[in-house]
Amino acid sequence: MCPHDPSCPTAEAKDREAARTVAAHPEQGWSLLCNGVVLFEDTGELLPNGVVIAPHRPTDLASSAA
């Protein structure tokens, strides 16, 4: 699916957000990545298979550790 060299991470990879942006819509709060992931400005994600990844921020990790 990815025409880039080296290839972008797949949608299943942990580093999937490192894929290149192919369509950006900052006015609507989302971008489409080369691997088919829709990345939202709140850091949530929609994977190509329909799985939703909840927003994940560094502050979420700090509050859950306390």
N, C-alpha and C. Protein backbone atom coordinates (compact mmCIF):
# COMPACT_ATOMS: atom_id res chain seq x y z
N MET A 1 0.82 -1.19 0.00
CA MET A 1 0.00 0.00 0.00
C MET A 1 0.87 1.26 0.00
N CYS A 2 1.98 1.24 0.72
CA CYS A 2 2.82 2.43 0.85
C CYS A 2 3.84 2.51 -0.28
N PRO A 3 3.85 3.62 -1.03
CA PRO A 3 4.81 3.76 -2.12
C PRO A 3 6.16 4.35 -1.68
N HIS A 4 6.30 4.68 -0.40
CA HIS A 4 7.51 5.34 0.07
C HIS A 4 8.65 4.36 0.29
N ASP A 5 9.87 4.88 0.21
CA ASP A 5 11.06 4.06 0.44
C ASP A 5 11.93 4.79 1.45
N PRO A 6 12.11 4.29 2.64
CA PRO A 6 11.57 3.04 3.17
C PRO A 6 10.06 3.15 3.42
N SER A 7 9.43 2.00 3.49
CA SER A 7 7.98 1.96 3.67
C SER A 7 7.57 2.53 5.03
N CYS A 8 6.40 3.14 5.06
CA CYS A 8 5.85 3.65 6.31
C CYS A 8 5.43 2.48 7.20
N PRO A 9 5.37 2.70 8.51
CA PRO A 9 4.89 1.63 9.41
C PRO A 9 3.46 1.24 9.05
N THR A 10 3.12 0.00 9.26
CA THR A 10 1.76 -0.47 8.99
C THR A 10 0.81 0.08 10.04
N ALA A 11 -0.47 -0.06 9.78
CA ALA A 11 -1.49 0.41 10.72
C ALA A 11 -1.46 -0.39 12.03
N GLU A 12 -0.92 -1.60 11.99
CA GLU A 12 -0.85 -2.45 13.18
C GLU A 12 0.40 -2.20 14.01
N ALA A 13 1.37 -1.50 13.46
CA ALA A 13 2.65 -1.27 14.15
C ALA A 13 2.48 -0.27 15.29
N LYS A 14 3.31 -0.40 16.32
CA LYS A 14 3.26 0.52 17.45
C LYS A 14 3.59 1.95 17.02
N ASP A 15 4.45 2.10 16.02
CA ASP A 15 4.84 3.42 15.55
C ASP A 15 4.04 3.88 14.35
N ARG A 16 2.78 3.43 14.24
CA ARG A 16 1.92 3.74 13.08
C ARG A 16 1.77 5.23 12.84
N GLU A 17 1.88 6.06 13.88
CA GLU A 17 1.73 7.50 13.72
C GLU A 17 2.89 8.14 12.96
N ALA A 18 3.97 7.38 12.74
CA ALA A 18 5.13 7.89 12.02
C ALA A 18 4.94 7.84 10.49
N ALA A 19 3.84 7.25 10.04
CA ALA A 19 3.57 7.20 8.60
C ALA A 19 3.36 8.61 8.06
N ARG A 20 3.61 8.80 6.79
CA ARG A 20 3.47 10.12 6.17
C ARG A 20 2.01 10.51 6.02
N THR A 21 1.76 11.79 6.13
CA THR A 21 0.42 12.34 5.95
C THR A 21 0.13 12.45 4.46
N VAL A 22 -1.01 11.91 4.03
CA VAL A 22 -1.40 12.01 2.62
C VAL A 22 -2.54 12.99 2.42
N ALA A 23 -3.30 13.28 3.47
CA ALA A 23 -4.36 14.28 3.41
C ALA A 23 -4.51 14.90 4.79
N ALA A 24 -4.39 16.21 4.86
CA ALA A 24 -4.50 16.92 6.13
C ALA A 24 -5.71 17.85 6.10
N HIS A 25 -6.49 17.80 7.15
CA HIS A 25 -7.66 18.66 7.29
C HIS A 25 -7.66 19.26 8.69
N PRO A 26 -6.70 20.16 8.96
CA PRO A 26 -6.61 20.72 10.32
C PRO A 26 -7.86 21.50 10.73
N GLU A 27 -8.57 22.06 9.76
CA GLU A 27 -9.79 22.79 10.09
C GLU A 27 -10.88 21.85 10.61
N GLN A 28 -10.76 20.57 10.28
CA GLN A 28 -11.71 19.57 10.76
C GLN A 28 -11.11 18.70 11.86
N GLY A 29 -9.81 18.84 12.10
CA GLY A 29 -9.17 18.15 13.21
C GLY A 29 -8.69 16.74 12.93
N TRP A 30 -8.41 16.41 11.66
CA TRP A 30 -7.93 15.06 11.35
C TRP A 30 -7.00 15.06 10.16
N SER A 31 -6.21 13.97 10.09
CA SER A 31 -5.31 13.73 8.96
C SER A 31 -5.36 12.25 8.59
N LEU A 32 -5.19 11.97 7.31
CA LEU A 32 -5.11 10.60 6.82
C LEU A 32 -3.64 10.27 6.59
N LEU A 33 -3.19 9.18 7.17
CA LEU A 33 -1.81 8.76 7.00
C LEU A 33 -1.69 7.73 5.89
N CYS A 34 -0.50 7.55 5.38
CA CYS A 34 -0.22 6.65 4.26
C CYS A 34 -0.68 5.21 4.55
N ASN A 35 -0.64 4.81 5.80
CA ASN A 35 -1.01 3.44 6.17
C ASN A 35 -2.51 3.28 6.38
N GLY A 36 -3.30 4.31 6.08
CA GLY A 36 -4.75 4.22 6.18
C GLY A 36 -5.31 4.63 7.52
N VAL A 37 -4.47 5.03 8.46
CA VAL A 37 -4.91 5.46 9.78
C VAL A 37 -5.41 6.90 9.69
N VAL A 38 -6.55 7.16 10.32
CA VAL A 38 -7.04 8.53 10.46
C VAL A 38 -6.60 8.98 11.85
N LEU A 39 -5.80 10.03 11.89
CA LEU A 39 -5.24 10.56 13.13
C LEU A 39 -5.97 11.85 13.47
N PHE A 40 -6.54 11.90 14.67
CA PHE A 40 -7.29 13.08 15.11
C PHE A 40 -6.42 13.98 15.95
N GLU A 41 -6.74 15.28 15.99
CA GLU A 41 -5.91 16.24 16.70
C GLU A 41 -5.87 15.99 18.20
N ASP A 42 -6.84 15.26 18.76
CA ASP A 42 -6.81 14.94 20.18
C ASP A 42 -5.98 13.68 20.46
N THR A 43 -5.27 13.19 19.46
CA THR A 43 -4.39 12.01 19.47
C THR A 43 -5.16 10.70 19.39
N GLY A 44 -6.47 10.73 19.20
CA GLY A 44 -7.21 9.51 18.95
C GLY A 44 -6.95 9.05 17.52
N GLU A 45 -7.25 7.79 17.25
CA GLU A 45 -6.98 7.22 15.93
C GLU A 45 -8.13 6.30 15.51
N LEU A 46 -8.33 6.21 14.22
CA LEU A 46 -9.25 5.25 13.63
C LEU A 46 -8.43 4.42 12.66
N LEU A 47 -8.32 3.12 12.95
CA LEU A 47 -7.53 2.23 12.10
C LEU A 47 -8.36 1.78 10.91
N PRO A 48 -7.70 1.34 9.84
CA PRO A 48 -8.43 0.94 8.63
C PRO A 48 -9.43 -0.19 8.86
N ASN A 49 -9.20 -1.02 9.86
CA ASN A 49 -10.11 -2.14 10.12
C ASN A 49 -11.28 -1.74 11.03
N GLY A 50 -11.39 -0.43 11.36
CA GLY A 50 -12.49 0.08 12.16
C GLY A 50 -12.22 0.16 13.65
N VAL A 51 -11.06 -0.28 14.09
CA VAL A 51 -10.71 -0.21 15.51
C VAL A 51 -10.45 1.25 15.88
N VAL A 52 -11.00 1.65 17.01
CA VAL A 52 -10.80 3.01 17.52
C VAL A 52 -9.76 2.97 18.62
N ILE A 53 -8.77 3.86 18.52
CA ILE A 53 -7.75 4.01 19.56
C ILE A 53 -8.08 5.31 20.29
N ALA A 54 -8.33 5.20 21.59
CA ALA A 54 -8.69 6.38 22.38
C ALA A 54 -7.53 7.36 22.41
N PRO A 55 -7.84 8.64 22.62
CA PRO A 55 -6.77 9.63 22.74
C PRO A 55 -5.77 9.20 23.81
N HIS A 56 -4.50 9.41 23.51
CA HIS A 56 -3.44 9.01 24.44
C HIS A 56 -2.43 10.14 24.55
N ARG A 57 -2.42 10.74 25.70
CA ARG A 57 -1.56 11.89 25.94
C ARG A 57 -0.59 11.56 27.05
N PRO A 58 0.58 12.17 27.06
CA PRO A 58 1.54 11.92 28.15
C PRO A 58 0.96 12.22 29.52
N THR A 59 0.04 13.18 29.61
CA THR A 59 -0.55 13.51 30.90
C THR A 59 -1.45 12.38 31.40
N ASP A 60 -2.02 11.59 30.50
CA ASP A 60 -2.85 10.44 30.90
C ASP A 60 -2.01 9.43 31.66
N LEU A 61 -0.77 9.21 31.20
CA LEU A 61 0.11 8.26 31.86
C LEU A 61 0.52 8.76 33.23
N ALA A 62 0.75 10.03 33.37
CA ALA A 62 1.17 10.59 34.66
C ALA A 62 0.04 10.49 35.69
N SER A 63 -1.20 10.72 35.30
CA SER A 63 -2.31 10.67 36.25
C SER A 63 -2.65 9.25 36.64
N SER A 64 -2.45 8.29 35.76
CA SER A 64 -2.76 6.90 36.09
C SER A 64 -1.68 6.28 36.97
N ALA A 65 -0.48 6.86 36.98
CA ALA A 65 0.61 6.33 37.80
C ALA A 65 0.49 6.80 39.26
N ALA A 66 -0.28 7.86 39.49
CA ALA A 66 -0.38 8.42 40.86
C ALA A 66 -1.35 7.64 41.71
